[in-house]
Amino acid sequence: MAVMVRTRLYRDGVLTAEGFPYAEISEHLSDPANTVWFDLLAPTPEKLAVVREELGLHELAVQDVLQPPPRPKLALYDTHLFLTLYAVSLEHGSAGLHLTGVSVFVTKNALVTVRSDESCDIDAIVARWDASRDMAAHGVSFLLYALIDYIVDGHFDVAQGLDDRVEELEDGLFVDNPGNGRGMQRRMFDIRRTTVRFRRVVLPMREVVNGLLRRDLGVVASDMAPYYQDVYDHVLRVSDWTESLRDLVGNVYETHLNLQGYRMNDIMKRVTSWAAIIAVPTLITGFYGQNIPFPGFAKDAGFWTSSLLIVVVSYVLYVIFRRRDWL
């Protein structure tokens, strides 16, 4: 299977070529006025080895592409920066989370993106670049900003989707459905697991974006700094939202357990109340079943007295339990 490669060439902020052969990349990079972007989709180790030789990439960064770390990271090497990012989306019809690893190599005039699969829509990122052509003069700084902004916007969408699912759980808490307990627990478990995975992706993004804002790295042009700061603010908002979601899911889970305990106590009250009523006939018939003489022994009056006692005492207990909402 051939590795899909997309290429673009900007010269002095103007898009001058795209879709050119991969072999021409090193030639374009020799001109400092050029900015080159190329994207690889699920490349083979052999293809990455070629890229490493062309750009002088560090072997540890290439290893991180083949075996992505479990969380976003920013690594600084002598000739380039390396970022591991994750584009996320909720799986259709479930609370599962789909992660797409996006590895990014950043040099002075080149941006290399390596995607693990097609779930990260590269066309949407390219559309953002084309929508702000006047900012392309900032070169790699602009291209990297639009890429990170797209990924963070995806985090917002996932946070909103999880929030909607938590609201559905909250609405279903007080639905009196005997068969709702196990399904509710399963959904809470799925959302809680997804929230934990999502949190592992979102929280490290603060360190990544904050690291890019360091002036000593020289990645972010001064004119682009406010845009990166805006992305950083968005990352903080998603992080806070994720923490709130985790607390909400925990509260829903605790409330569900408390409601289950309340329903169990209510059932026990009802069962105990009926048991008390049933015990009355047993007590009275047991008393009248003694093999010794007692008032009404061997007479019709004894039968009617015991029957009347059963009805009256059972009715009195029923009324008392009913008033206390035990039945």
C-alpha atoms as a PDB file:
ATOM      1  CA  MET A   1       0.000   0.000   0.000  1.00  0.00           C
ATOM      2  CA  ALA A   2       1.497   3.342  -1.066  1.00  0.00           C
ATOM      3  CA  VAL A   3       1.944   6.021   1.548  1.00  0.00           C
ATOM      4  CA  MET A   4      -0.202   9.062   0.861  1.00  0.00           C
ATOM      5  CA  VAL A   5       1.890  12.248   0.714  1.00  0.00           C
ATOM      6  CA  ARG A   6       0.585  15.794   0.379  1.00  0.00           C
ATOM      7  CA  THR A   7       2.900  18.715  -0.225  1.00  0.00           C
ATOM      8  CA  ARG A   8       2.693  22.511  -0.325  1.00  0.00           C
ATOM      9  CA  LEU A   9       5.192  25.266  -1.012  1.00  0.00           C
ATOM     10  CA  TYR A  10       4.848  28.843   0.239  1.00  0.00           C
ATOM     11  CA  ARG A  11       7.273  31.513  -0.941  1.00  0.00           C
ATOM     12  CA  ASP A  12       7.240  34.812   0.958  1.00  0.00           C
ATOM     13  CA  GLY A  13       3.794  33.895   2.293  1.00  0.00           C
ATOM     14  CA  VAL A  14       2.295  33.061  -1.103  1.00  0.00           C
ATOM     15  CA  LEU A  15       1.206  29.554  -2.050  1.00  0.00           C
ATOM     16  CA  THR A  16       3.217  28.809  -5.178  1.00  0.00           C
ATOM     17  CA  ALA A  17       2.962  25.037  -5.564  1.00  0.00           C
ATOM     18  CA  GLU A  18       1.294  21.996  -4.110  1.00  0.00           C
ATOM     19  CA  GLY A  19       1.226  18.323  -4.866  1.00  0.00           C
ATOM     20  CA  PHE A  20       4.814  18.389  -6.116  1.00  0.00           C
ATOM     21  CA  PRO A  21       6.914  15.219  -5.940  1.00  0.00           C
ATOM     22  CA  TYR A  22       8.389  14.223  -2.653  1.00  0.00           C
ATOM     23  CA  ALA A  23      11.875  14.173  -4.152  1.00  0.00           C
ATOM     24  CA  GLU A  24      11.761  17.962  -4.694  1.00  0.00           C
ATOM     25  CA  ILE A  25      11.304  18.804  -1.006  1.00  0.00           C
ATOM     26  CA  SER A  26      14.997  19.047  -0.158  1.00  0.00           C
ATOM     27  CA  GLU A  27      15.532  21.338  -3.147  1.00  0.00           C
ATOM     28  CA  HIS A  28      12.824  23.741  -1.948  1.00  0.00           C
ATOM     29  CA  LEU A  29      14.128  23.714   1.618  1.00  0.00           C
ATOM     30  CA  SER A  30      17.482  25.017   0.464  1.00  0.00           C
ATOM     31  CA  ASP A  31      15.890  28.445  -0.136  1.00  0.00           C
ATOM     32  CA  PRO A  32      15.239  30.282   3.199  1.00  0.00           C
ATOM     33  CA  ALA A  33      12.389  32.242   1.594  1.00  0.00           C
ATOM     34  CA  ASN A  34      10.445  29.028   1.096  1.00  0.00           C
ATOM     35  CA  THR A  35       8.155  27.319   3.598  1.00  0.00           C
ATOM     36  CA  VAL A  36       7.362  23.689   2.893  1.00  0.00           C
ATOM     37  CA  TRP A  37       4.633  21.539   4.352  1.00  0.00           C
ATOM     38  CA  PHE A  38       4.201  17.883   3.658  1.00  0.00           C
ATOM     39  CA  ASP A  39       1.908  15.339   5.237  1.00  0.00           C
ATOM     40  CA  LEU A  40       2.376  11.595   5.568  1.00  0.00           C
ATOM     41  CA  LEU A  41      -0.462   9.204   6.275  1.00  0.00           C
ATOM     42  CA  ALA A  42       0.543   6.071   8.222  1.00  0.00           C
ATOM     43  CA  PRO A  43       4.051   5.909   6.737  1.00  0.00           C
ATOM     44  CA  THR A  44       6.230   2.823   6.872  1.00  0.00           C
ATOM     45  CA  PRO A  45       9.482   2.803   8.882  1.00  0.00           C
ATOM     46  CA  GLU A  46      11.363   2.900   5.571  1.00  0.00           C
ATOM     47  CA  LYS A  47       9.581   6.073   4.494  1.00  0.00           C
ATOM     48  CA  LEU A  48      10.276   7.700   7.856  1.00  0.00           C
ATOM     49  CA  ALA A  49      13.925   6.773   7.499  1.00  0.00           C
ATOM     50  CA  VAL A  50      14.038   8.713   4.229  1.00  0.00           C
ATOM     51  CA  VAL A  51      12.382  11.723   5.876  1.00  0.00           C
ATOM     52  CA  ARG A  52      14.864  11.544   8.706  1.00  0.00           C
ATOM     53  CA  GLU A  53      17.770  11.667   6.295  1.00  0.00           C
ATOM     54  CA  GLU A  54      16.270  14.552   4.303  1.00  0.00           C
ATOM     55  CA  LEU A  55      15.598  16.790   7.324  1.00  0.00           C
ATOM     56  CA  GLY A  56      18.182  15.533   9.791  1.00  0.00           C
ATOM     57  CA  LEU A  57      15.552  14.445  12.321  1.00  0.00           C
ATOM     58  CA  HIS A  58      16.483  12.925  15.633  1.00  0.00           C
ATOM     59  CA  GLU A  59      16.090   9.164  15.901  1.00  0.00           C
ATOM     60  CA  LEU A  60      14.151   9.427  19.175  1.00  0.00           C
ATOM     61  CA  ALA A  61      11.573  11.652  17.490  1.00  0.00           C
ATOM     62  CA  VAL A  62      11.174   9.120  14.686  1.00  0.00           C
ATOM     63  CA  GLN A  63      10.692   6.372  17.271  1.00  0.00           C
ATOM     64  CA  ASP A  64       7.907   8.434  18.874  1.00  0.00           C
ATOM     65  CA  VAL A  65       6.168   8.492  15.499  1.00  0.00           C
ATOM     66  CA  LEU A  66       6.291   4.707  15.225  1.00  0.00           C
ATOM     67  CA  GLN A  67       5.390   4.206  18.899  1.00  0.00           C
ATOM     68  CA  PRO A  68       3.459   7.312  19.968  1.00  0.00           C
ATOM     69  CA  PRO A  69       3.590   8.289  23.649  1.00  0.00           C
ATOM     70  CA  PRO A  70       0.298   7.966  25.526  1.00  0.00           C
ATOM     71  CA  ARG A  71      -0.089  11.732  25.951  1.00  0.00           C
ATOM     72  CA  PRO A  72       0.767  14.916  24.031  1.00  0.00           C
ATOM     73  CA  LYS A  73       4.346  16.081  24.328  1.00  0.00           C
ATOM     74  CA  LEU A  74       6.778  18.694  23.109  1.00  0.00           C
ATOM     75  CA  ALA A  75      10.418  17.758  22.592  1.00  0.00           C
ATOM     76  CA  LEU A  76      13.250  20.104  21.668  1.00  0.00           C
ATOM     77  CA  TYR A  77      16.149  18.869  19.543  1.00  0.00           C
ATOM     78  CA  ASP A  78      19.119  20.688  18.019  1.00  0.00           C
ATOM     79  CA  THR A  79      17.667  21.134  14.544  1.00  0.00           C
ATOM     80  CA  HIS A  80      13.932  20.881  15.087  1.00  0.00           C
ATOM     81  CA  LEU A  81      10.978  20.622  17.432  1.00  0.00           C
ATOM     82  CA  PHE A  82       8.835  17.540  17.737  1.00  0.00           C
ATOM     83  CA  LEU A  83       5.215  17.483  18.903  1.00  0.00           C
ATOM     84  CA  THR A  84       2.874  14.624  19.574  1.00  0.00           C
ATOM     85  CA  LEU A  85      -0.751  15.720  19.355  1.00  0.00           C
ATOM     86  CA  TYR A  86      -4.027  13.816  19.408  1.00  0.00           C
ATOM     87  CA  ALA A  87      -7.104  14.614  17.377  1.00  0.00           C
ATOM     88  CA  VAL A  88     -10.107  13.156  19.184  1.00  0.00           C
ATOM     89  CA  SER A  89     -13.691  12.348  18.288  1.00  0.00           C
ATOM     90  CA  LEU A  90     -16.566  10.518  19.895  1.00  0.00           C
ATOM     91  CA  GLU A  91     -17.476   7.241  18.267  1.00  0.00           C
ATOM     92  CA  HIS A  92     -20.896   7.304  16.638  1.00  0.00           C
ATOM     93  CA  GLY A  93     -23.681   5.916  18.824  1.00  0.00           C
ATOM     94  CA  SER A  94     -21.489   5.388  21.890  1.00  0.00           C
ATOM     95  CA  ALA A  95     -19.405   7.195  24.472  1.00  0.00           C
ATOM     96  CA  GLY A  96     -16.177   5.685  23.131  1.00  0.00           C
ATOM     97  CA  LEU A  97     -13.279   7.945  22.244  1.00  0.00           C
ATOM     98  CA  HIS A  98     -11.308   7.662  19.009  1.00  0.00           C
ATOM     99  CA  LEU A  99      -7.757   9.015  19.090  1.00  0.00           C
ATOM    100  CA  THR A 100      -5.734   9.901  16.036  1.00  0.00           C
ATOM    101  CA  GLY A 101      -2.065  10.516  16.653  1.00  0.00           C
ATOM    102  CA  VAL A 102      -0.595  13.510  14.820  1.00  0.00           C
ATOM    103  CA  SER A 103       3.183  13.770  14.977  1.00  0.00           C
ATOM    104  CA  VAL A 104       4.642  17.127  13.952  1.00  0.00           C
ATOM    105  CA  PHE A 105       8.215  18.021  13.021  1.00  0.00           C
ATOM    106  CA  VAL A 106       8.973  21.735  13.028  1.00  0.00           C
ATOM    107  CA  THR A 107      12.070  23.304  11.459  1.00  0.00           C
ATOM    108  CA  LYS A 108      12.764  26.896  10.458  1.00  0.00           C
ATOM    109  CA  ASN A 109      11.063  26.569   7.091  1.00  0.00           C
ATOM    110  CA  ALA A 110       9.354  23.179   7.129  1.00  0.00           C
ATOM    111  CA  LEU A 111       6.352  21.631   8.817  1.00  0.00           C
ATOM    112  CA  VAL A 112       5.949  17.864   8.607  1.00  0.00           C
ATOM    113  CA  THR A 113       2.762  16.189   9.829  1.00  0.00           C
ATOM    114  CA  VAL A 114       2.418  12.452  10.232  1.00  0.00           C
ATOM    115  CA  ARG A 115      -1.088  11.094  10.853  1.00  0.00           C
ATOM    116  CA  SER A 116      -1.821   7.616  12.139  1.00  0.00           C
ATOM    117  CA  ASP A 117      -5.120   7.416  10.215  1.00  0.00           C
ATOM    118  CA  GLU A 118      -7.558   9.495   8.175  1.00  0.00           C
ATOM    119  CA  SER A 119      -9.787  10.445  11.114  1.00  0.00           C
ATOM    120  CA  CYS A 120      -7.843  13.677  11.395  1.00  0.00           C
ATOM    121  CA  ASP A 121      -9.276  15.610   8.430  1.00  0.00           C
ATOM    122  CA  ILE A 122      -6.270  17.232   6.791  1.00  0.00           C
ATOM    123  CA  ASP A 123      -8.543  18.957   4.268  1.00  0.00           C
ATOM    124  CA  ALA A 124     -10.152  20.928   7.101  1.00  0.00           C
ATOM    125  CA  ILE A 125      -6.728  22.084   8.239  1.00  0.00           C
ATOM    126  CA  VAL A 126      -5.754  23.108   4.712  1.00  0.00           C
ATOM    127  CA  ALA A 127      -9.032  25.025   4.447  1.00  0.00           C
ATOM    128  CA  ARG A 128      -8.065  27.022   7.528  1.00  0.00           C
ATOM    129  CA  TRP A 129      -4.746  27.901   5.952  1.00  0.00           C
ATOM    130  CA  ASP A 130      -6.472  29.028   2.763  1.00  0.00           C
ATOM    131  CA  ALA A 131      -9.007  31.089   4.721  1.00  0.00           C
ATOM    132  CA  SER A 132      -6.204  33.250   6.175  1.00  0.00           C
ATOM    133  CA  ARG A 133      -3.819  33.651   3.270  1.00  0.00           C
ATOM    134  CA  ASP A 134      -2.615  37.022   4.547  1.00  0.00           C
ATOM    135  CA  MET A 135      -1.178  35.307   7.630  1.00  0.00           C
ATOM    136  CA  ALA A 136       0.805  32.796   5.590  1.00  0.00           C
ATOM    137  CA  ALA A 137       3.683  35.297   5.538  1.00  0.00           C
ATOM    138  CA  HIS A 138       4.490  34.085   9.068  1.00  0.00           C
ATOM    139  CA  GLY A 139       5.494  30.744   7.591  1.00  0.00           C
ATOM    140  CA  VAL A 140       5.782  27.726   9.856  1.00  0.00           C
ATOM    141  CA  SER A 141       4.524  29.740  12.823  1.00  0.00           C
ATOM    142  CA  PHE A 142       1.154  30.243  11.109  1.00  0.00           C
ATOM    143  CA  LEU A 143       0.844  26.712   9.755  1.00  0.00           C
ATOM    144  CA  LEU A 144       1.515  25.226  13.170  1.00  0.00           C
ATOM    145  CA  TYR A 145      -0.977  27.575  14.828  1.00  0.00           C
ATOM    146  CA  ALA A 146      -3.802  26.585  12.486  1.00  0.00           C
ATOM    147  CA  LEU A 147      -3.032  22.899  13.036  1.00  0.00           C
ATOM    148  CA  ILE A 148      -3.103  23.161  16.831  1.00  0.00           C
ATOM    149  CA  ASP A 149      -6.200  25.372  16.722  1.00  0.00           C
ATOM    150  CA  TYR A 150      -8.018  22.734  14.663  1.00  0.00           C
ATOM    151  CA  ILE A 151      -7.094  19.984  17.135  1.00  0.00           C
ATOM    152  CA  VAL A 152      -8.135  22.062  20.165  1.00  0.00           C
ATOM    153  CA  ASP A 153     -11.470  22.874  18.500  1.00  0.00           C
ATOM    154  CA  GLY A 154     -11.963  19.119  18.169  1.00  0.00           C
ATOM    155  CA  HIS A 155     -11.365  18.820  21.911  1.00  0.00           C
ATOM    156  CA  PHE A 156     -14.140  21.374  22.448  1.00  0.00           C
ATOM    157  CA  ASP A 157     -16.528  19.292  20.342  1.00  0.00           C
ATOM    158  CA  VAL A 158     -15.757  16.159  22.358  1.00  0.00           C
ATOM    159  CA  ALA A 159     -16.190  18.016  25.644  1.00  0.00           C
ATOM    160  CA  GLN A 160     -19.585  19.261  24.454  1.00  0.00           C
ATOM    161  CA  GLY A 161     -20.586  15.748  23.398  1.00  0.00           C
ATOM    162  CA  LEU A 162     -19.605  14.294  26.770  1.00  0.00           C
ATOM    163  CA  ASP A 163     -21.459  17.096  28.533  1.00  0.00           C
ATOM    164  CA  ASP A 164     -24.628  16.249  26.588  1.00  0.00           C
ATOM    165  CA  ARG A 165     -24.293  12.575  27.548  1.00  0.00           C
ATOM    166  CA  VAL A 166     -23.845  13.470  31.211  1.00  0.00           C
ATOM    167  CA  GLU A 167     -27.001  15.600  31.042  1.00  0.00           C
ATOM    168  CA  GLU A 168     -28.876  12.604  29.622  1.00  0.00           C
ATOM    169  CA  LEU A 169     -27.671  10.544  32.571  1.00  0.00           C
ATOM    170  CA  GLU A 170     -28.832  13.232  34.994  1.00  0.00           C
ATOM    171  CA  ASP A 171     -32.277  13.307  33.370  1.00  0.00           C
ATOM    172  CA  GLY A 172     -32.527   9.512  33.610  1.00  0.00           C
ATOM    173  CA  LEU A 173     -31.591   9.326  37.281  1.00  0.00           C
ATOM    174  CA  PHE A 174     -35.094   9.907  38.593  1.00  0.00           C
ATOM    175  CA  VAL A 175     -36.929   7.884  35.970  1.00  0.00           C
ATOM    176  CA  ASP A 176     -38.749   5.141  37.856  1.00  0.00           C
ATOM    177  CA  ASN A 177     -37.822   2.241  35.608  1.00  0.00           C
ATOM    178  CA  PRO A 178     -37.061  -1.091  37.307  1.00  0.00           C
ATOM    179  CA  GLY A 179     -34.861  -2.221  34.405  1.00  0.00           C
ATOM    180  CA  ASN A 180     -32.951   1.046  34.190  1.00  0.00           C
ATOM    181  CA  GLY A 181     -30.317   0.277  36.840  1.00  0.00           C
ATOM    182  CA  ARG A 182     -27.936  -1.968  34.918  1.00  0.00           C
ATOM    183  CA  GLY A 183     -28.117   0.075  31.708  1.00  0.00           C
ATOM    184  CA  MET A 184     -27.519   3.272  33.682  1.00  0.00           C
ATOM    185  CA  GLN A 185     -24.471   1.784  35.376  1.00  0.00           C
ATOM    186  CA  ARG A 186     -23.049   0.670  32.031  1.00  0.00           C
ATOM    187  CA  ARG A 187     -23.466   4.115  30.505  1.00  0.00           C
ATOM    188  CA  MET A 188     -21.924   5.789  33.541  1.00  0.00           C
ATOM    189  CA  PHE A 189     -18.960   3.437  33.377  1.00  0.00           C
ATOM    190  CA  ASP A 190     -18.436   4.120  29.664  1.00  0.00           C
ATOM    191  CA  ILE A 191     -18.626   7.897  30.095  1.00  0.00           C
ATOM    192  CA  ARG A 192     -16.360   7.821  33.115  1.00  0.00           C
ATOM    193  CA  ARG A 193     -13.768   5.764  31.240  1.00  0.00           C
ATOM    194  CA  THR A 194     -13.992   8.059  28.214  1.00  0.00           C
ATOM    195  CA  THR A 195     -13.628  11.143  30.397  1.00  0.00           C
ATOM    196  CA  VAL A 196     -10.477   9.728  31.974  1.00  0.00           C
ATOM    197  CA  ARG A 197      -8.958   8.988  28.539  1.00  0.00           C
ATOM    198  CA  PHE A 198      -9.969  12.424  27.281  1.00  0.00           C
ATOM    199  CA  ARG A 199      -8.416  14.072  30.333  1.00  0.00           C
ATOM    200  CA  ARG A 200      -5.077  12.379  29.592  1.00  0.00           C
ATOM    201  CA  VAL A 201      -5.119  14.019  26.167  1.00  0.00           C
ATOM    202  CA  VAL A 202      -6.342  17.470  27.166  1.00  0.00           C
ATOM    203  CA  LEU A 203      -4.351  18.327  30.281  1.00  0.00           C
ATOM    204  CA  PRO A 204      -0.842  17.902  28.753  1.00  0.00           C
ATOM    205  CA  MET A 205      -1.820  20.285  25.955  1.00  0.00           C
ATOM    206  CA  ARG A 206      -1.313  23.130  28.408  1.00  0.00           C
ATOM    207  CA  GLU A 207       2.368  22.273  28.692  1.00  0.00           C
ATOM    208  CA  VAL A 208       2.706  21.825  24.926  1.00  0.00           C
ATOM    209  CA  VAL A 209       1.206  25.175  23.945  1.00  0.00           C
ATOM    210  CA  ASN A 210       2.848  26.990  26.842  1.00  0.00           C
ATOM    211  CA  GLY A 211       6.191  25.533  25.746  1.00  0.00           C
ATOM    212  CA  LEU A 212       5.717  26.853  22.215  1.00  0.00           C
ATOM    213  CA  LEU A 213       5.179  30.350  23.631  1.00  0.00           C
ATOM    214  CA  ARG A 214       8.705  30.383  25.039  1.00  0.00           C
ATOM    215  CA  ARG A 215      10.634  33.120  23.276  1.00  0.00           C
ATOM    216  CA  ASP A 216      13.934  31.251  23.405  1.00  0.00           C
ATOM    217  CA  LEU A 217      12.556  28.597  21.058  1.00  0.00           C
ATOM    218  CA  GLY A 218      11.984  31.136  18.309  1.00  0.00           C
ATOM    219  CA  VAL A 219       9.103  29.140  16.818  1.00  0.00           C
ATOM    220  CA  VAL A 220       6.336  31.669  17.349  1.00  0.00           C
ATOM    221  CA  ALA A 221       6.745  34.969  15.523  1.00  0.00           C
ATOM    222  CA  SER A 222       5.965  38.040  17.624  1.00  0.00           C
ATOM    223  CA  ASP A 223       2.926  38.846  15.478  1.00  0.00           C
ATOM    224  CA  MET A 224       1.628  35.297  15.997  1.00  0.00           C
ATOM    225  CA  ALA A 225       2.053  35.282  19.779  1.00  0.00           C
ATOM    226  CA  PRO A 226      -1.491  36.604  20.479  1.00  0.00           C
ATOM    227  CA  TYR A 227      -2.944  33.798  18.368  1.00  0.00           C
ATOM    228  CA  TYR A 228      -0.996  31.172  20.279  1.00  0.00           C
ATOM    229  CA  GLN A 229      -2.082  32.812  23.527  1.00  0.00           C
ATOM    230  CA  ASP A 230      -5.685  32.532  22.343  1.00  0.00           C
ATOM    231  CA  VAL A 231      -5.186  28.813  21.674  1.00  0.00           C
ATOM    232  CA  TYR A 232      -3.660  28.461  25.126  1.00  0.00           C
ATOM    233  CA  ASP A 233      -6.760  30.089  26.657  1.00  0.00           C
ATOM    234  CA  HIS A 234      -8.926  27.592  24.755  1.00  0.00           C
ATOM    235  CA  VAL A 235      -6.803  24.732  26.078  1.00  0.00           C
ATOM    236  CA  LEU A 236      -7.314  26.002  29.627  1.00  0.00           C
ATOM    237  CA  ARG A 237     -11.074  26.186  29.072  1.00  0.00           C
ATOM    238  CA  VAL A 238     -11.223  22.629  27.752  1.00  0.00           C
ATOM    239  CA  SER A 239      -9.084  21.460  30.681  1.00  0.00           C
ATOM    240  CA  ASP A 240     -11.422  23.093  33.199  1.00  0.00           C
ATOM    241  CA  TRP A 241     -14.422  21.677  31.352  1.00  0.00           C
ATOM    242  CA  THR A 242     -12.905  18.197  31.478  1.00  0.00           C
ATOM    243  CA  GLU A 243     -12.312  18.468  35.215  1.00  0.00           C
ATOM    244  CA  SER A 244     -15.928  19.563  35.678  1.00  0.00           C
ATOM    245  CA  LEU A 245     -17.128  16.621  33.597  1.00  0.00           C
ATOM    246  CA  ARG A 246     -15.170  14.202  35.755  1.00  0.00           C
ATOM    247  CA  ASP A 247     -16.746  15.684  38.889  1.00  0.00           C
ATOM    248  CA  LEU A 248     -20.210  15.600  37.299  1.00  0.00           C
ATOM    249  CA  VAL A 249     -19.885  11.938  36.354  1.00  0.00           C
ATOM    250  CA  GLY A 250     -18.735  11.170  39.894  1.00  0.00           C
ATOM    251  CA  ASN A 251     -21.725  13.048  41.322  1.00  0.00           C
ATOM    252  CA  VAL A 252     -24.116  11.220  39.002  1.00  0.00           C
ATOM    253  CA  TYR A 253     -22.602   7.898  40.041  1.00  0.00           C
ATOM    254  CA  GLU A 254     -22.915   8.695  43.760  1.00  0.00           C
ATOM    255  CA  THR A 255     -26.477   9.941  43.296  1.00  0.00           C
ATOM    256  CA  HIS A 256     -27.347   6.763  41.416  1.00  0.00           C
ATOM    257  CA  LEU A 257     -25.992   4.632  44.255  1.00  0.00           C
ATOM    258  CA  ASN A 258     -27.900   6.693  46.823  1.00  0.00           C
ATOM    259  CA  LEU A 259     -31.109   6.326  44.831  1.00  0.00           C
ATOM    260  CA  GLN A 260     -30.577   2.601  44.589  1.00  0.00           C
ATOM    261  CA  GLY A 261     -30.140   2.448  48.354  1.00  0.00           C
ATOM    262  CA  TYR A 262     -33.298   4.507  48.814  1.00  0.00           C
ATOM    263  CA  ARG A 263     -35.281   2.256  46.496  1.00  0.00           C
ATOM    264  CA  MET A 264     -33.960  -0.810  48.302  1.00  0.00           C
ATOM    265  CA  ASN A 265     -35.007   0.638  51.662  1.00  0.00           C
ATOM    266  CA  ASP A 266     -38.418   1.452  50.227  1.00  0.00           C
ATOM    267  CA  ILE A 267     -38.806  -2.116  48.991  1.00  0.00           C
ATOM    268  CA  MET A 268     -37.732  -3.489  52.354  1.00  0.00           C
ATOM    269  CA  LYS A 269     -40.300  -1.298  54.108  1.00  0.00           C
ATOM    270  CA  ARG A 270     -43.043  -2.582  51.873  1.00  0.00           C
ATOM    271  CA  VAL A 271     -42.005  -6.215  52.259  1.00  0.00           C
ATOM    272  CA  THR A 272     -41.739  -5.836  56.043  1.00  0.00           C
ATOM    273  CA  SER A 273     -45.146  -4.162  56.207  1.00  0.00           C
ATOM    274  CA  TRP A 274     -46.810  -7.003  54.304  1.00  0.00           C
ATOM    275  CA  ALA A 275     -44.975  -9.513  56.462  1.00  0.00           C
ATOM    276  CA  ALA A 276     -46.362  -7.810  59.591  1.00  0.00           C
ATOM    277  CA  ILE A 277     -49.882  -7.981  58.193  1.00  0.00           C
ATOM    278  CA  ILE A 278     -49.475 -11.630  57.233  1.00  0.00           C
ATOM    279  CA  ALA A 279     -48.144 -12.398  60.702  1.00  0.00           C
ATOM    280  CA  VAL A 280     -51.459 -11.327  62.301  1.00  0.00           C
ATOM    281  CA  PRO A 281     -53.514 -14.270  60.970  1.00  0.00           C
ATOM    282  CA  THR A 282     -50.673 -16.603  61.864  1.00  0.00           C
ATOM    283  CA  LEU A 283     -50.591 -15.266  65.434  1.00  0.00           C
ATOM    284  CA  ILE A 284     -54.328 -15.415  65.985  1.00  0.00           C
ATOM    285  CA  THR A 285     -54.918 -18.801  64.353  1.00  0.00           C
ATOM    286  CA  GLY A 286     -51.935 -20.136  66.252  1.00  0.00           C
ATOM    287  CA  PHE A 287     -53.408 -18.917  69.498  1.00  0.00           C
ATOM    288  CA  TYR A 288     -56.807 -20.430  68.761  1.00  0.00           C
ATOM    289  CA  GLY A 289     -55.154 -23.624  67.691  1.00  0.00           C
ATOM    290  CA  GLN A 290     -54.091 -24.457  71.265  1.00  0.00           C
ATOM    291  CA  ASN A 291     -55.242 -27.817  72.580  1.00  0.00           C
ATOM    292  CA  ILE A 292     -56.501 -26.313  75.856  1.00  0.00           C
ATOM    293  CA  PRO A 293     -59.879 -24.819  76.753  1.00  0.00           C
ATOM    294  CA  PHE A 294     -60.164 -21.047  76.134  1.00  0.00           C
ATOM    295  CA  PRO A 295     -63.100 -18.609  75.786  1.00  0.00           C
ATOM    296  CA  GLY A 296     -65.124 -19.850  72.829  1.00  0.00           C
ATOM    297  CA  PHE A 297     -63.388 -23.256  72.724  1.00  0.00           C
ATOM    298  CA  ALA A 298     -65.306 -25.749  70.519  1.00  0.00           C
ATOM    299  CA  LYS A 299     -67.979 -23.110  69.853  1.00  0.00           C
ATOM    300  CA  ASP A 300     -69.009 -21.050  66.818  1.00  0.00           C
ATOM    301  CA  ALA A 301     -68.283 -17.873  68.771  1.00  0.00           C
ATOM    302  CA  GLY A 302     -64.594 -18.760  68.913  1.00  0.00           C
ATOM    303  CA  PHE A 303     -64.366 -19.063  65.108  1.00  0.00           C
ATOM    304  CA  TRP A 304     -66.108 -15.768  64.508  1.00  0.00           C
ATOM    305  CA  THR A 305     -64.042 -14.005  67.161  1.00  0.00           C
ATOM    306  CA  SER A 306     -60.746 -15.137  65.626  1.00  0.00           C
ATOM    307  CA  SER A 307     -61.884 -14.242  62.125  1.00  0.00           C
ATOM    308  CA  LEU A 308     -62.979 -10.809  63.268  1.00  0.00           C
ATOM    309  CA  LEU A 309     -59.664 -10.229  65.033  1.00  0.00           C
ATOM    310  CA  ILE A 310     -57.743 -11.170  61.874  1.00  0.00           C
ATOM    311  CA  VAL A 311     -59.699  -8.739  59.721  1.00  0.00           C
ATOM    312  CA  VAL A 312     -59.693  -5.840  62.191  1.00  0.00           C
ATOM    313  CA  VAL A 313     -56.038  -6.029  63.219  1.00  0.00           C
ATOM    314  CA  SER A 314     -54.847  -6.538  59.603  1.00  0.00           C
ATOM    315  CA  TYR A 315     -56.916  -3.570  58.473  1.00  0.00           C
ATOM    316  CA  VAL A 316     -55.583  -1.361  61.262  1.00  0.00           C
ATOM    317  CA  LEU A 317     -51.988  -2.265  60.342  1.00  0.00           C
ATOM    318  CA  TYR A 318     -52.685  -1.646  56.671  1.00  0.00           C
ATOM    319  CA  VAL A 319     -54.069   1.829  57.448  1.00  0.00           C
ATOM    320  CA  ILE A 320     -51.102   2.704  59.668  1.00  0.00           C
ATOM    321  CA  PHE A 321     -48.527   1.554  57.107  1.00  0.00           C
ATOM    322  CA  ARG A 322     -50.379   3.300  54.316  1.00  0.00           C
ATOM    323  CA  ARG A 323     -50.359   6.631  56.151  1.00  0.00           C
ATOM    324  CA  ARG A 324     -46.610   6.317  56.680  1.00  0.00           C
ATOM    325  CA  ASP A 325     -46.148   5.521  52.981  1.00  0.00           C
ATOM    326  CA  TRP A 326     -44.774   2.096  53.727  1.00  0.00           C
ATOM    327  CA  LEU A 327     -47.206   0.492  51.321  1.00  0.00           C
END
